[in-house]
Amino acid sequence: MASEAEKKYWYNLSTGAVEHGFQSPSVDRAGPYDTEAEAAAAPERIRANSKRWADEERAEDA
């Protein structure tokens, strides 16, 4: 029986491909996402989160 996570979409960080279910090793996957479009937008989301966290760290250090 497939878990809920296996039914979701993932972004493969190595290949840039959107995958449905567990197709790649966990170290290569970002997600899970509910839709293929959300998974395809993962790089932008990851960049935005990284920038936000870096900004928060700078503010804490100031």
N, C-alpha and C. Protein backbone atom coordinates (compact mmCIF):
# COMPACT_ATOMS: atom_id res chain seq x y z
N MET A 1 0.84 -1.18 0.00
CA MET A 1 0.00 0.00 0.00
C MET A 1 0.88 1.25 0.00
N ALA A 2 0.64 2.18 -0.88
CA ALA A 2 1.44 3.39 -1.01
C ALA A 2 1.10 4.39 0.09
N SER A 3 2.15 5.03 0.63
CA SER A 3 1.94 6.07 1.63
C SER A 3 1.50 7.35 0.92
N GLU A 4 1.01 8.30 1.71
CA GLU A 4 0.60 9.59 1.14
C GLU A 4 1.77 10.27 0.43
N ALA A 5 2.96 10.21 1.02
CA ALA A 5 4.13 10.85 0.42
C ALA A 5 4.48 10.24 -0.93
N GLU A 6 4.23 8.95 -1.09
CA GLU A 6 4.52 8.30 -2.37
C GLU A 6 3.57 8.75 -3.47
N LYS A 7 2.44 9.32 -3.09
CA LYS A 7 1.46 9.79 -4.06
C LYS A 7 1.69 11.24 -4.45
N LYS A 8 2.65 11.90 -3.83
CA LYS A 8 2.92 13.31 -4.06
C LYS A 8 3.95 13.51 -5.17
N TYR A 9 4.19 14.77 -5.48
CA TYR A 9 5.19 15.14 -6.49
C TYR A 9 6.44 15.65 -5.78
N TRP A 10 7.56 15.42 -6.41
CA TRP A 10 8.86 15.79 -5.87
C TRP A 10 9.67 16.48 -6.95
N TYR A 11 10.57 17.37 -6.55
CA TYR A 11 11.49 18.00 -7.47
C TYR A 11 12.85 17.35 -7.28
N ASN A 12 13.43 16.84 -8.35
CA ASN A 12 14.74 16.21 -8.29
C ASN A 12 15.80 17.30 -8.41
N LEU A 13 16.55 17.50 -7.34
CA LEU A 13 17.56 18.56 -7.29
C LEU A 13 18.73 18.29 -8.23
N SER A 14 18.99 17.04 -8.55
CA SER A 14 20.11 16.70 -9.43
C SER A 14 19.77 16.87 -10.90
N THR A 15 18.57 16.45 -11.28
CA THR A 15 18.20 16.46 -12.70
C THR A 15 17.30 17.62 -13.09
N GLY A 16 16.63 18.24 -12.10
CA GLY A 16 15.68 19.31 -12.40
C GLY A 16 14.33 18.79 -12.86
N ALA A 17 14.13 17.48 -12.76
CA ALA A 17 12.87 16.88 -13.22
C ALA A 17 11.86 16.81 -12.08
N VAL A 18 10.60 16.89 -12.44
CA VAL A 18 9.51 16.65 -11.49
C VAL A 18 9.20 15.16 -11.53
N GLU A 19 9.09 14.57 -10.35
CA GLU A 19 8.83 13.14 -10.26
C GLU A 19 7.56 12.89 -9.46
N HIS A 20 6.87 11.84 -9.78
CA HIS A 20 5.67 11.43 -9.05
C HIS A 20 6.03 10.22 -8.22
N GLY A 21 5.97 10.36 -6.91
CA GLY A 21 6.35 9.27 -6.03
C GLY A 21 7.85 9.24 -5.80
N PHE A 22 8.28 8.18 -5.12
CA PHE A 22 9.69 8.02 -4.76
C PHE A 22 10.46 7.38 -5.91
N GLN A 23 11.00 8.21 -6.80
CA GLN A 23 11.76 7.69 -7.93
C GLN A 23 13.26 7.85 -7.72
N SER A 24 13.65 8.82 -6.92
CA SER A 24 15.07 9.12 -6.71
C SER A 24 15.41 8.98 -5.23
N PRO A 25 16.71 8.87 -4.92
CA PRO A 25 17.11 8.85 -3.51
C PRO A 25 16.65 10.12 -2.79
N SER A 26 16.38 10.00 -1.52
CA SER A 26 15.84 11.13 -0.75
C SER A 26 16.77 12.34 -0.77
N VAL A 27 18.07 12.13 -0.85
CA VAL A 27 19.01 13.24 -0.86
C VAL A 27 18.83 14.12 -2.11
N ASP A 28 18.27 13.56 -3.17
CA ASP A 28 18.08 14.29 -4.42
C ASP A 28 16.70 14.92 -4.56
N ARG A 29 15.81 14.70 -3.58
CA ARG A 29 14.42 15.15 -3.72
C ARG A 29 14.10 16.33 -2.82
N ALA A 30 13.31 17.26 -3.35
CA ALA A 30 12.71 18.34 -2.56
C ALA A 30 11.21 18.14 -2.65
N GLY A 31 10.55 18.28 -1.53
CA GLY A 31 9.10 18.09 -1.51
C GLY A 31 8.68 17.47 -0.21
N PRO A 32 7.51 17.00 -0.16
CA PRO A 32 6.57 16.72 -1.24
C PRO A 32 5.70 17.92 -1.58
N TYR A 33 5.17 17.88 -2.79
CA TYR A 33 4.24 18.90 -3.29
C TYR A 33 2.97 18.22 -3.75
N ASP A 34 1.87 18.92 -3.63
CA ASP A 34 0.57 18.34 -4.00
C ASP A 34 0.36 18.25 -5.51
N THR A 35 0.97 19.18 -6.25
CA THR A 35 0.75 19.20 -7.70
C THR A 35 2.10 19.22 -8.44
N GLU A 36 2.03 18.84 -9.69
CA GLU A 36 3.22 18.87 -10.53
C GLU A 36 3.72 20.31 -10.69
N ALA A 37 2.81 21.26 -10.81
CA ALA A 37 3.20 22.67 -10.97
C ALA A 37 3.92 23.19 -9.73
N GLU A 38 3.45 22.81 -8.55
CA GLU A 38 4.13 23.23 -7.32
C GLU A 38 5.54 22.66 -7.26
N ALA A 39 5.69 21.40 -7.65
CA ALA A 39 7.01 20.78 -7.65
C ALA A 39 7.93 21.46 -8.66
N ALA A 40 7.40 21.83 -9.81
CA ALA A 40 8.20 22.50 -10.83
C ALA A 40 8.70 23.86 -10.36
N ALA A 41 7.96 24.49 -9.46
CA ALA A 41 8.33 25.80 -8.92
C ALA A 41 9.25 25.69 -7.71
N ALA A 42 9.68 24.50 -7.36
CA ALA A 42 10.51 24.28 -6.18
C ALA A 42 11.79 25.13 -6.17
N PRO A 43 12.52 25.25 -7.26
CA PRO A 43 13.75 26.05 -7.20
C PRO A 43 13.50 27.50 -6.76
N GLU A 44 12.42 28.10 -7.26
CA GLU A 44 12.12 29.47 -6.86
C GLU A 44 11.76 29.53 -5.38
N ARG A 45 11.00 28.56 -4.91
CA ARG A 45 10.61 28.51 -3.50
C ARG A 45 11.84 28.31 -2.62
N ILE A 46 12.74 27.44 -3.03
CA ILE A 46 13.95 27.18 -2.26
C ILE A 46 14.82 28.43 -2.19
N ARG A 47 14.99 29.12 -3.32
CA ARG A 47 15.77 30.37 -3.34
C ARG A 47 15.14 31.43 -2.44
N ALA A 48 13.82 31.57 -2.51
CA ALA A 48 13.13 32.56 -1.69
C ALA A 48 13.28 32.26 -0.21
N ASN A 49 13.14 30.99 0.16
CA ASN A 49 13.30 30.61 1.56
C ASN A 49 14.73 30.86 2.04
N SER A 50 15.71 30.52 1.22
CA SER A 50 17.11 30.73 1.59
C SER A 50 17.40 32.20 1.80
N LYS A 51 16.88 33.05 0.91
CA LYS A 51 17.08 34.49 1.06
C LYS A 51 16.42 35.00 2.33
N ARG A 52 15.21 34.55 2.59
CA ARG A 52 14.48 34.99 3.79
C ARG A 52 15.24 34.58 5.05
N TRP A 53 15.73 33.34 5.09
CA TRP A 53 16.46 32.87 6.26
C TRP A 53 17.77 33.64 6.43
N ALA A 54 18.48 33.93 5.35
CA ALA A 54 19.71 34.70 5.43
C ALA A 54 19.43 36.11 5.93
N ASP A 55 18.35 36.73 5.44
CA ASP A 55 17.96 38.06 5.90
C ASP A 55 17.63 38.05 7.39
N GLU A 56 16.93 37.01 7.84
CA GLU A 56 16.58 36.89 9.26
C GLU A 56 17.83 36.74 10.11
N GLU A 57 18.79 35.95 9.64
CA GLU A 57 20.05 35.79 10.38
C GLU A 57 20.82 37.09 10.48
N ARG A 58 20.89 37.84 9.36
CA ARG A 58 21.57 39.12 9.37
C ARG A 58 20.90 40.07 10.36
N ALA A 59 19.56 40.07 10.39
CA ALA A 59 18.83 40.94 11.31
C ALA A 59 19.10 40.56 12.76
N GLU A 60 19.19 39.26 13.03
CA GLU A 60 19.48 38.80 14.40
C GLU A 60 20.90 39.16 14.82
N ASP A 61 21.83 39.14 13.86
CA ASP A 61 23.22 39.43 14.17
C ASP A 61 23.48 40.93 14.31
N ALA A 62 22.58 41.74 13.82
CA ALA A 62 22.78 43.20 13.85
C ALA A 62 22.52 43.78 15.23
